[in-house]
Amino acid sequence: MKPATGPAPAPADPAVVPWLLAEQHTDTGTGTGTGTGTGTGTGAGAVPEERPPGTAGPAPAGKDAAAPVPLRRNRDYRLLWGGAGLSLLSGRATAVAYPLAVLWATGSPGDAGLVGTALLLPQLVVQLPGGALVDRWDRRRVMLAAGLGQAVVAGAVAALLLSGQVLLWALLAAAFVEGTLGVLFQLAERAAVPAVVPPEQIGAAMTGNEARTRGAAIAGQPLGSGLVTLGSALPFVAAAAGQLAAVACLFGVRGRLQRDRGQAPRTALAAEVRAGLLWMWRQRFLRAVMAAVAVSNILFQGLNLAVMSGIQSAGGTEFQVGAVLSLSGAGGLVGALSGGRWTERLSMRALVIGGLAVWALLMVPVAVLRDPYALGAIFALSGYVGGVFNVAGSVYLVRIAPDEMRGRANSLAMLVGGGAMAVGPVAAGFALEGLGPTRTVLGLSLAMALTALAALVSPALRRGPFAAAG
């Protein structure tokens, strides 16, 4: 749920996620209002003959249909997974290195904050047009161009720092360009996954992708900060090499990464963005889930700041704060690896409501605890729930979004999640100054509990993920 972010081995390939099939069989329409099917398949991994639009691959022909190649032997998926993982790892390292390099060179926290903001700004301003462009352009070429572009930018920054000059305007421009290319790469990769795996392995593929993202977040931050201590240019040299390696992986992926668009007339970019917004608005279940994601991300950003303030007031250190937050990422990695198993046992609605309720309960002891080890354990559990939730949400979004809409669907989901995160620290900062850590955290827990209650009574969530859109 929280992006929110080295590759870890994917678990054994599960069959088609049963909660998706069960709810699809019992409803009368898909999220796009085009109808569902009640076809039969083969055993526990059966796939209905009619699936949500945009699901890649043909339906099984019957009991004699050949079993798909396991993901660990799927060459195209492994190359796409590995290339995107290298790109993510490089991006995580430079995300830490940009502000650190500026801070150590200039001694100005304000300048370091400006560079960090320039790197993150594309998450807000580029998502929507980027999603439309990914749906319009060839996804392989988007990833190749973005990877090469990021390598060039990282190399240019390394050369600038090696020269001994720290030109703030140049670093601001480089950070914004790198952030923009990173958004395009991620959107194209997410949309391309169903083109390289069969429908019954979508759950396993999303599990592997979420684990990779969490692993890159855990490894990238210490990698970037560690290399900066050896030389301000080193993280960018390493990032350039990582991006080139990612591009080399992508060159090995065979076949098209999207369906043939034919000769349909191309509309204006603004019209395509508007079409994506309209499609998303019609997905009632998805709208309700995204609202819960937005609220929880705001609350967790506030919780992170409250924990920092509480540890500081108790005489703790920056290292202890970092350890607590790192344990959250580690818990998310474990949750991602086990996400497929949870989605086999629970419905999407149960995962949403249950996750919100568990988060609300876990927040309560944070209000009074100051011991970093106890806080780390709670944050690890919270991260675990977030990893499971992200896997389930990724599977659902891939299955419900048509191929020609996947870029825009992912961009809207990332925009809602990432944009909401920017609000949390500001609101929590004012609350902490006025109420203190204990009352602020209790207020965050109450807000999370109310969000869970709203999800419980939401008509959109009761209708199930494959209820007809209205």
Protein backbone atom coordinates (compact mmCIF):
# COMPACT_ATOMS: atom_id res chain seq x y z
CA MET A 1 0.00 0.00 0.00
CA LYS A 2 2.80 2.33 0.87
CA PRO A 3 5.06 3.08 -2.00
CA ALA A 4 4.86 3.61 -2.18
CA THR A 5 9.30 1.01 -3.96
CA GLY A 6 17.85 -6.21 -4.45
CA PRO A 7 15.51 -8.53 -6.22
CA ALA A 8 14.25 -11.38 -4.12
CA PRO A 9 13.31 -14.83 -5.42
CA ALA A 10 9.65 -15.17 -6.28
CA PRO A 11 7.63 -17.85 -4.51
CA ALA A 12 6.30 -20.91 -6.23
CA ASP A 13 3.80 -20.00 -8.90
CA PRO A 14 0.27 -20.11 -7.43
CA ALA A 15 -2.72 -20.98 -9.54
CA VAL A 16 -5.10 -18.26 -10.64
CA VAL A 17 -6.06 -16.20 -7.64
CA PRO A 18 -9.26 -17.98 -6.48
CA TRP A 19 -10.94 -14.93 -4.97
CA LEU A 20 -10.84 -13.25 -8.37
CA LEU A 21 -12.43 -16.25 -10.08
CA ALA A 22 -15.05 -16.81 -7.39
CA GLU A 23 -16.24 -13.22 -7.39
CA GLN A 24 -16.08 -13.05 -11.16
CA HIS A 25 -18.32 -16.10 -11.51
CA THR A 26 -20.94 -14.72 -9.16
CA ASP A 27 -21.26 -11.27 -10.71
CA THR A 28 -22.99 -10.30 -13.91
CA GLY A 29 -20.48 -7.85 -15.34
CA THR A 30 -16.88 -6.78 -15.24
CA GLY A 31 -15.46 -3.52 -13.99
CA THR A 32 -15.81 -2.15 -17.49
CA GLY A 33 -19.36 -3.29 -17.92
CA THR A 34 -18.72 -5.77 -20.72
CA GLY A 35 -19.86 -8.96 -19.01
CA THR A 36 -18.14 -11.89 -17.34
CA GLY A 37 -18.12 -15.54 -18.07
CA THR A 38 -18.77 -18.78 -16.25
CA GLY A 39 -16.46 -20.98 -18.28
CA THR A 40 -14.78 -24.01 -16.86
CA GLY A 41 -11.09 -24.74 -16.73
CA THR A 42 -8.67 -27.31 -15.46
CA GLY A 43 -8.52 -28.07 -11.78
CA ALA A 44 -7.55 -25.59 -9.10
CA GLY A 45 -5.88 -23.34 -11.60
CA ALA A 46 -8.95 -23.06 -13.82
CA VAL A 47 -9.38 -19.89 -15.81
CA PRO A 48 -12.85 -18.85 -16.96
CA GLU A 49 -13.21 -18.64 -20.71
CA GLU A 50 -14.32 -15.02 -20.44
CA ARG A 51 -12.17 -12.81 -18.26
CA PRO A 52 -11.94 -9.12 -17.47
CA PRO A 53 -10.94 -7.17 -20.58
CA GLY A 54 -7.23 -6.68 -20.97
CA THR A 55 -6.30 -10.08 -19.51
CA ALA A 56 -3.42 -11.35 -21.58
CA GLY A 57 -3.24 -14.69 -23.29
CA PRO A 58 -5.80 -17.19 -24.59
CA ALA A 59 -8.17 -19.14 -22.40
CA PRO A 60 -7.29 -22.80 -21.77
CA ALA A 61 -8.76 -25.16 -24.32
CA GLY A 62 -9.79 -27.79 -21.81
CA LYS A 63 -8.40 -30.54 -19.63
CA ASP A 64 -5.60 -31.26 -22.08
CA ALA A 65 -4.34 -27.66 -22.20
CA ALA A 66 -0.58 -27.55 -21.67
CA ALA A 67 0.60 -26.21 -18.34
CA PRO A 68 2.30 -22.83 -18.62
CA VAL A 69 6.05 -22.53 -18.21
CA PRO A 70 6.92 -21.64 -14.58
CA LEU A 71 7.94 -18.02 -14.09
CA ARG A 72 11.44 -19.03 -13.05
CA ARG A 73 11.89 -20.47 -16.55
CA ASN A 74 10.00 -17.72 -18.38
CA ARG A 75 12.87 -15.93 -20.12
CA ASP A 76 10.96 -12.78 -21.07
CA TYR A 77 9.50 -12.30 -17.60
CA ARG A 78 12.87 -12.83 -15.92
CA LEU A 79 14.54 -10.28 -18.20
CA LEU A 80 11.73 -7.75 -17.72
CA TRP A 81 11.72 -8.36 -13.96
CA GLY A 82 15.49 -8.11 -13.67
CA GLY A 83 15.82 -5.05 -15.91
CA ALA A 84 13.13 -3.16 -14.02
CA GLY A 85 14.72 -4.24 -10.73
CA LEU A 86 18.10 -2.81 -11.73
CA SER A 87 16.43 0.43 -12.80
CA LEU A 88 14.52 0.67 -9.51
CA LEU A 89 17.65 -0.05 -7.47
CA SER A 90 19.58 2.65 -9.34
CA GLY A 91 16.75 5.13 -8.85
CA ARG A 92 16.51 4.42 -5.11
CA ALA A 93 20.25 4.96 -4.72
CA THR A 94 20.26 8.32 -6.51
CA ALA A 95 17.12 9.45 -4.65
CA VAL A 96 19.23 9.39 -1.49
CA ALA A 97 22.41 10.61 -3.18
CA TYR A 98 21.00 13.80 -4.71
CA PRO A 99 20.11 15.62 -1.47
CA LEU A 100 23.09 14.16 0.43
CA ALA A 101 25.59 15.27 -2.22
CA VAL A 102 24.14 18.79 -2.25
CA LEU A 103 23.98 19.01 1.54
CA TRP A 104 27.59 17.92 1.99
CA ALA A 105 28.83 20.19 -0.81
CA THR A 106 26.92 23.36 0.10
CA GLY A 107 25.92 22.87 3.73
CA SER A 108 22.45 24.15 2.84
CA PRO A 109 19.47 22.00 3.90
CA GLY A 110 17.26 24.26 1.78
CA ASP A 111 19.21 23.47 -1.40
CA ALA A 112 19.18 19.75 -0.55
CA GLY A 113 15.41 19.90 -0.06
CA LEU A 114 14.93 21.64 -3.40
CA VAL A 115 16.83 18.90 -5.23
CA GLY A 116 14.86 16.19 -3.42
CA THR A 117 11.62 17.90 -4.37
CA ALA A 118 12.69 18.20 -8.02
CA LEU A 119 13.29 14.46 -8.09
CA LEU A 120 9.85 13.66 -6.65
CA LEU A 121 7.85 16.35 -8.48
CA PRO A 122 7.32 14.19 -11.61
CA GLN A 123 5.36 11.74 -9.43
CA LEU A 124 2.66 14.43 -9.31
CA VAL A 125 2.93 16.32 -12.60
CA VAL A 126 3.98 13.59 -15.05
CA GLN A 127 1.82 10.64 -13.99
CA LEU A 128 -1.34 11.42 -15.98
CA PRO A 129 0.25 12.44 -19.31
CA GLY A 130 2.85 9.72 -18.80
CA GLY A 131 0.16 7.05 -18.53
CA ALA A 132 -1.47 8.24 -21.74
CA LEU A 133 1.88 8.26 -23.55
CA VAL A 134 2.67 4.73 -22.37
CA ASP A 135 -0.69 3.57 -23.78
CA ARG A 136 0.04 5.41 -27.03
CA TRP A 137 3.70 4.50 -27.62
CA ASP A 138 5.53 1.19 -27.91
CA ARG A 139 6.21 0.11 -24.32
CA ARG A 140 9.54 -1.55 -25.08
CA ARG A 141 10.85 1.61 -26.72
CA VAL A 142 9.62 3.72 -23.81
CA MET A 143 11.58 1.60 -21.34
CA LEU A 144 14.70 1.51 -23.50
CA ALA A 145 14.65 5.27 -24.07
CA ALA A 146 13.94 5.98 -20.40
CA GLY A 147 16.72 3.66 -19.22
CA LEU A 148 19.25 5.15 -21.61
CA GLY A 149 18.15 8.64 -20.66
CA GLN A 150 18.56 7.91 -16.95
CA ALA A 151 22.04 6.52 -17.61
CA VAL A 152 23.01 9.69 -19.50
CA VAL A 153 21.65 11.94 -16.74
CA ALA A 154 23.45 9.97 -14.01
CA GLY A 155 26.69 10.11 -15.99
CA ALA A 156 26.34 13.86 -16.48
CA VAL A 157 25.75 14.43 -12.76
CA ALA A 158 28.78 12.26 -11.91
CA ALA A 159 30.95 14.28 -14.30
CA LEU A 160 29.67 17.54 -12.79
CA LEU A 161 30.45 16.43 -9.24
CA LEU A 162 33.86 15.08 -10.23
CA SER A 163 34.69 18.48 -11.68
CA GLY A 164 34.26 19.97 -8.23
CA GLN A 165 31.39 22.24 -9.30
CA VAL A 166 27.97 22.05 -7.71
CA LEU A 167 25.62 24.00 -9.98
CA LEU A 168 22.26 23.97 -8.23
CA TRP A 169 20.27 24.77 -11.37
CA ALA A 170 21.94 21.88 -13.23
CA LEU A 171 21.24 19.42 -10.42
CA LEU A 172 17.62 20.59 -10.19
CA ALA A 173 17.16 20.01 -13.93
CA ALA A 174 18.92 16.64 -13.81
CA ALA A 175 16.81 15.47 -10.86
CA PHE A 176 13.56 16.47 -12.57
CA VAL A 177 14.52 14.76 -15.84
CA GLU A 178 15.61 11.60 -14.01
CA GLY A 179 12.36 11.55 -12.03
CA THR A 180 10.32 11.98 -15.23
CA LEU A 181 12.11 9.15 -17.02
CA GLY A 182 11.69 6.95 -13.96
CA VAL A 183 7.92 7.50 -13.96
CA LEU A 184 7.69 6.58 -17.66
CA PHE A 185 9.82 3.46 -17.16
CA GLN A 186 7.73 2.22 -14.24
CA LEU A 187 4.42 2.85 -15.99
CA ALA A 188 5.56 1.05 -19.14
CA GLU A 189 6.92 -1.92 -17.19
CA ARG A 190 3.77 -2.35 -15.11
CA ALA A 191 1.61 -2.26 -18.23
CA ALA A 192 3.87 -4.74 -20.05
CA VAL A 193 3.81 -7.58 -17.49
CA PRO A 194 0.60 -9.26 -18.78
CA ALA A 195 2.21 -9.50 -22.23
CA VAL A 196 4.95 -11.83 -21.00
CA VAL A 197 3.02 -14.09 -18.58
CA PRO A 198 -0.16 -16.15 -19.07
CA PRO A 199 -3.32 -15.12 -17.17
CA GLU A 200 -3.03 -17.87 -14.57
CA GLN A 201 0.39 -16.57 -13.50
CA ILE A 202 -0.55 -12.91 -13.08
CA GLY A 203 -0.78 -13.34 -9.30
CA ALA A 204 2.71 -14.88 -9.10
CA ALA A 205 4.12 -12.18 -11.38
CA MET A 206 2.67 -9.37 -9.26
CA THR A 207 4.03 -11.08 -6.14
CA GLY A 208 7.49 -11.12 -7.68
CA ASN A 209 7.21 -7.50 -8.79
CA GLU A 210 6.14 -6.26 -5.37
CA ALA A 211 8.96 -8.19 -3.70
CA ARG A 212 11.40 -6.68 -6.18
CA THR A 213 10.15 -3.16 -5.47
CA ARG A 214 10.40 -3.65 -1.71
CA GLY A 215 13.85 -5.20 -2.04
CA ALA A 216 15.09 -2.32 -4.19
CA ALA A 217 13.83 0.15 -1.58
CA ILE A 218 15.59 -1.70 1.24
CA ALA A 219 18.90 -2.04 -0.62
CA GLY A 220 18.90 1.21 -2.58
CA GLN A 221 18.91 3.66 0.30
CA PRO A 222 21.95 2.27 2.14
CA LEU A 223 23.69 1.75 -1.21
CA GLY A 224 23.25 5.40 -2.15
CA SER A 225 24.20 6.80 1.23
CA GLY A 226 27.15 4.42 1.58
CA LEU A 227 28.63 5.34 -1.81
CA VAL A 228 28.23 9.06 -1.08
CA THR A 229 30.54 8.67 1.92
CA LEU A 230 33.23 7.34 -0.44
CA GLY A 231 32.70 10.05 -3.04
CA SER A 232 29.74 12.20 -4.04
CA ALA A 233 29.93 11.07 -7.68
CA LEU A 234 30.07 7.32 -6.98
CA PRO A 235 26.31 6.71 -6.56
CA PHE A 236 25.70 8.30 -9.95
CA VAL A 237 28.45 6.26 -11.62
CA ALA A 238 26.89 3.12 -10.16
CA ALA A 239 23.41 4.27 -11.23
CA ALA A 240 24.58 4.86 -14.81
CA ALA A 241 26.02 1.34 -14.91
CA GLY A 242 22.83 -0.09 -13.40
CA GLN A 243 20.61 1.64 -15.94
CA LEU A 244 22.76 0.39 -18.84
CA ALA A 245 22.52 -3.14 -17.44
CA ALA A 246 18.73 -2.71 -17.22
CA VAL A 247 18.62 -1.66 -20.87
CA ALA A 248 20.70 -4.71 -21.83
CA CYS A 249 18.13 -6.95 -20.11
CA LEU A 250 15.25 -5.28 -21.93
CA PHE A 251 16.91 -5.78 -25.30
CA GLY A 252 16.58 -9.51 -24.68
CA VAL A 253 12.79 -9.45 -24.19
CA ARG A 254 11.13 -10.88 -27.29
CA GLY A 255 7.75 -10.09 -28.80
CA ARG A 256 5.45 -7.12 -28.47
CA LEU A 257 4.63 -5.77 -25.02
CA GLN A 258 1.16 -4.56 -25.94
CA ARG A 259 -1.64 -5.57 -28.25
CA ASP A 260 -1.75 -4.31 -31.81
CA ARG A 261 -3.58 -1.00 -31.81
CA GLY A 262 -4.42 -1.27 -35.52
CA GLN A 263 -4.98 1.90 -37.51
CA ALA A 264 -7.32 3.62 -35.07
CA PRO A 265 -7.12 7.41 -35.34
CA ARG A 266 -4.99 9.00 -32.63
CA THR A 267 -6.74 11.54 -30.43
CA ALA A 268 -5.25 14.46 -28.57
CA LEU A 269 -3.23 13.64 -25.46
CA ALA A 270 -5.64 15.60 -23.25
CA ALA A 271 -8.54 13.56 -24.64
CA GLU A 272 -6.73 10.31 -23.83
CA VAL A 273 -6.05 11.48 -20.29
CA ARG A 274 -9.72 12.42 -19.97
CA ALA A 275 -10.75 8.98 -21.24
CA GLY A 276 -8.56 7.38 -18.58
CA LEU A 277 -10.13 9.51 -15.86
CA LEU A 278 -13.60 8.61 -17.08
CA TRP A 279 -12.77 4.90 -17.16
CA MET A 280 -11.40 5.06 -13.63
CA TRP A 281 -14.46 6.96 -12.37
CA ARG A 282 -16.72 4.18 -13.61
CA GLN A 283 -14.89 1.52 -11.57
CA ARG A 284 -16.79 1.83 -8.31
CA PHE A 285 -14.91 -0.89 -6.45
CA LEU A 286 -11.56 0.47 -7.60
CA ARG A 287 -12.55 4.01 -6.61
CA ALA A 288 -13.37 2.85 -3.10
CA VAL A 289 -10.08 0.96 -2.76
CA MET A 290 -8.08 3.94 -4.04
CA ALA A 291 -9.81 6.23 -1.55
CA ALA A 292 -8.77 3.88 1.26
CA VAL A 293 -5.22 3.80 -0.13
CA ALA A 294 -5.05 7.60 -0.22
CA VAL A 295 -6.26 8.01 3.35
CA SER A 296 -3.98 5.29 4.73
CA ASN A 297 -0.94 6.76 2.96
CA ILE A 298 -1.64 10.16 4.49
CA LEU A 299 -1.96 8.60 7.94
CA PHE A 300 1.21 6.54 7.62
CA GLN A 301 3.28 9.52 6.53
CA GLY A 302 2.00 11.30 9.63
CA LEU A 303 2.82 8.24 11.74
CA ASN A 304 6.40 8.17 10.45
CA LEU A 305 6.91 11.79 11.44
CA ALA A 306 5.30 11.18 14.83
CA VAL A 307 7.64 8.26 15.50
CA MET A 308 10.65 10.40 14.57
CA SER A 309 9.47 13.08 16.98
CA GLY A 310 8.76 10.57 19.75
CA ILE A 311 12.16 8.88 19.47
CA GLN A 312 13.91 12.25 19.44
CA SER A 313 12.01 13.45 22.52
CA ALA A 314 13.03 10.24 24.31
CA GLY A 315 16.71 10.89 23.58
CA GLY A 316 16.98 8.46 20.66
CA THR A 317 19.26 8.74 17.64
CA GLU A 318 18.83 9.14 13.89
CA PHE A 319 20.10 5.58 13.47
CA GLN A 320 17.26 4.25 15.60
CA VAL A 321 14.74 6.12 13.47
CA GLY A 322 16.28 4.64 10.33
CA ALA A 323 16.22 1.16 11.83
CA VAL A 324 12.50 1.42 12.64
CA LEU A 325 11.63 2.56 9.11
CA SER A 326 13.90 -0.07 7.56
CA LEU A 327 12.07 -2.80 9.47
CA SER A 328 8.86 -1.55 7.89
CA GLY A 329 10.41 -2.17 4.47
CA ALA A 330 11.62 -5.61 5.51
CA GLY A 331 8.13 -6.51 6.71
CA GLY A 332 6.74 -5.31 3.40
CA LEU A 333 9.14 -7.58 1.52
CA VAL A 334 7.99 -10.62 3.51
CA GLY A 335 4.36 -9.57 3.00
CA ALA A 336 4.90 -9.27 -0.74
CA LEU A 337 6.40 -12.76 -0.93
CA SER A 338 3.40 -14.23 0.91
CA GLY A 339 0.78 -12.00 -0.76
CA GLY A 340 -0.28 -14.67 -3.24
CA ARG A 341 -1.15 -17.07 -0.44
CA TRP A 342 -3.36 -14.51 1.32
CA THR A 343 -5.19 -13.69 -1.90
CA GLU A 344 -5.95 -17.38 -2.31
CA ARG A 345 -7.73 -17.43 1.05
CA LEU A 346 -9.46 -14.06 1.35
CA SER A 347 -11.64 -11.90 -0.88
CA MET A 348 -10.40 -8.52 -2.01
CA ARG A 349 -13.00 -6.84 0.21
CA ALA A 350 -11.81 -8.81 3.23
CA LEU A 351 -8.20 -7.86 2.51
CA VAL A 352 -9.08 -4.16 2.29
CA ILE A 353 -11.18 -4.04 5.45
CA GLY A 354 -8.95 -6.41 7.40
CA GLY A 355 -5.80 -4.52 6.45
CA LEU A 356 -7.23 -1.19 7.54
CA ALA A 357 -8.46 -2.67 10.84
CA VAL A 358 -5.08 -4.28 11.61
CA TRP A 359 -3.31 -1.00 10.88
CA ALA A 360 -5.64 0.87 13.22
CA LEU A 361 -4.92 -1.60 16.02
CA LEU A 362 -1.15 -1.53 15.44
CA MET A 363 -1.11 2.27 15.64
CA VAL A 364 -2.45 2.35 19.20
CA PRO A 365 0.66 1.07 21.02
CA VAL A 366 2.85 3.40 18.91
CA ALA A 367 1.29 6.26 20.87
CA VAL A 368 3.00 5.21 24.11
CA LEU A 369 6.03 3.16 23.01
CA ARG A 370 9.41 4.83 22.61
CA ASP A 371 11.63 1.74 22.53
CA PRO A 372 12.97 1.46 18.96
CA TYR A 373 12.95 -2.34 18.98
CA ALA A 374 9.29 -2.53 19.95
CA LEU A 375 8.42 0.17 17.43
CA GLY A 376 10.42 -1.69 14.78
CA ALA A 377 8.39 -4.86 15.40
CA ILE A 378 5.13 -2.95 15.02
CA PHE A 379 6.32 -1.25 11.85
CA ALA A 380 7.46 -4.61 10.44
CA LEU A 381 3.94 -5.98 10.97
CA SER A 382 2.41 -2.88 9.37
CA GLY A 383 4.76 -3.24 6.41
CA TYR A 384 3.80 -6.90 6.09
CA VAL A 385 0.13 -5.97 5.71
CA GLY A 386 1.07 -3.32 3.16
CA GLY A 387 3.03 -5.85 1.09
CA VAL A 388 0.07 -8.24 0.98
CA PHE A 389 -2.29 -5.42 0.06
CA ASN A 390 -0.07 -4.20 -2.77
CA VAL A 391 0.08 -7.65 -4.35
CA ALA A 392 -3.71 -8.02 -4.25
CA GLY A 393 -4.26 -4.53 -5.63
CA SER A 394 -1.76 -5.03 -8.45
CA VAL A 395 -3.39 -8.29 -9.51
CA TYR A 396 -6.83 -6.68 -9.50
CA LEU A 397 -5.73 -3.63 -11.49
CA VAL A 398 -3.98 -5.74 -14.13
CA ARG A 399 -7.03 -7.97 -14.56
CA ILE A 400 -9.64 -5.26 -14.76
CA ALA A 401 -7.83 -2.71 -16.96
CA PRO A 402 -7.97 -3.26 -20.74
CA ASP A 403 -4.56 -3.49 -22.42
CA GLU A 404 -4.96 -0.11 -24.09
CA MET A 405 -5.81 1.50 -20.73
CA ARG A 406 -3.18 -0.06 -18.46
CA GLY A 407 -0.73 2.82 -18.59
CA ARG A 408 -3.39 5.33 -17.57
CA ALA A 409 -4.87 3.02 -14.93
CA ASN A 410 -1.47 2.58 -13.27
CA SER A 411 -0.68 6.28 -13.54
CA LEU A 412 -3.91 7.21 -11.77
CA ALA A 413 -3.33 4.64 -9.03
CA MET A 414 0.22 5.89 -8.48
CA LEU A 415 -0.87 9.52 -8.58
CA VAL A 416 -3.52 8.98 -5.91
CA GLY A 417 -1.15 7.02 -3.69
CA GLY A 418 1.88 9.25 -4.16
CA GLY A 419 0.00 12.53 -4.12
CA ALA A 420 -1.72 11.65 -0.88
CA MET A 421 1.64 10.96 0.77
CA ALA A 422 2.70 14.56 0.31
CA VAL A 423 -0.13 15.75 2.57
CA GLY A 424 0.65 13.56 5.58
CA PRO A 425 3.87 15.12 6.92
CA VAL A 426 2.50 18.68 6.73
CA ALA A 427 -0.70 17.89 8.60
CA ALA A 428 1.10 15.71 11.15
CA GLY A 429 3.70 18.41 11.75
CA PHE A 430 1.07 20.90 12.88
CA ALA A 431 -0.68 18.24 14.97
CA LEU A 432 2.57 17.25 16.68
CA GLU A 433 3.33 20.84 17.60
CA GLY A 434 -0.13 21.36 19.05
CA LEU A 435 -0.92 17.96 20.56
CA GLY A 436 2.36 16.10 21.01
CA PRO A 437 3.26 12.59 19.76
CA THR A 438 0.90 10.55 21.95
CA ARG A 439 -2.31 12.38 21.12
CA THR A 440 -1.33 12.73 17.47
CA VAL A 441 -0.79 8.99 17.06
CA LEU A 442 -4.04 8.18 18.85
CA GLY A 443 -5.80 10.56 16.46
CA LEU A 444 -4.15 8.80 13.50
CA SER A 445 -5.30 5.43 14.86
CA LEU A 446 -8.86 6.72 15.22
CA ALA A 447 -8.79 8.05 11.66
CA MET A 448 -7.58 4.66 10.39
CA ALA A 449 -10.35 2.88 12.33
CA LEU A 450 -12.95 5.21 10.81
CA THR A 451 -11.51 4.46 7.36
CA ALA A 452 -11.92 0.73 8.05
CA LEU A 453 -15.50 1.33 9.18
CA ALA A 454 -16.24 3.33 6.05
CA ALA A 455 -14.86 0.48 3.94
CA LEU A 456 -17.02 -2.00 5.84
CA VAL A 457 -20.25 -0.15 5.06
CA SER A 458 -19.25 1.02 1.56
CA PRO A 459 -21.81 -0.13 -1.04
CA ALA A 460 -19.09 -0.15 -3.70
CA LEU A 461 -16.97 -2.65 -1.77
CA ARG A 462 -19.99 -4.82 -0.97
CA ARG A 463 -20.72 -5.21 -4.68
CA GLY A 464 -17.41 -6.97 -5.25
CA PRO A 465 -14.57 -6.15 -7.64
CA PHE A 466 -16.27 -7.46 -10.76
CA ALA A 467 -19.70 -5.89 -10.26
CA ALA A 468 -20.93 -3.96 -13.27
CA ALA A 469 -19.80 -0.35 -13.43
CA GLY A 470 -22.41 2.32 -13.35
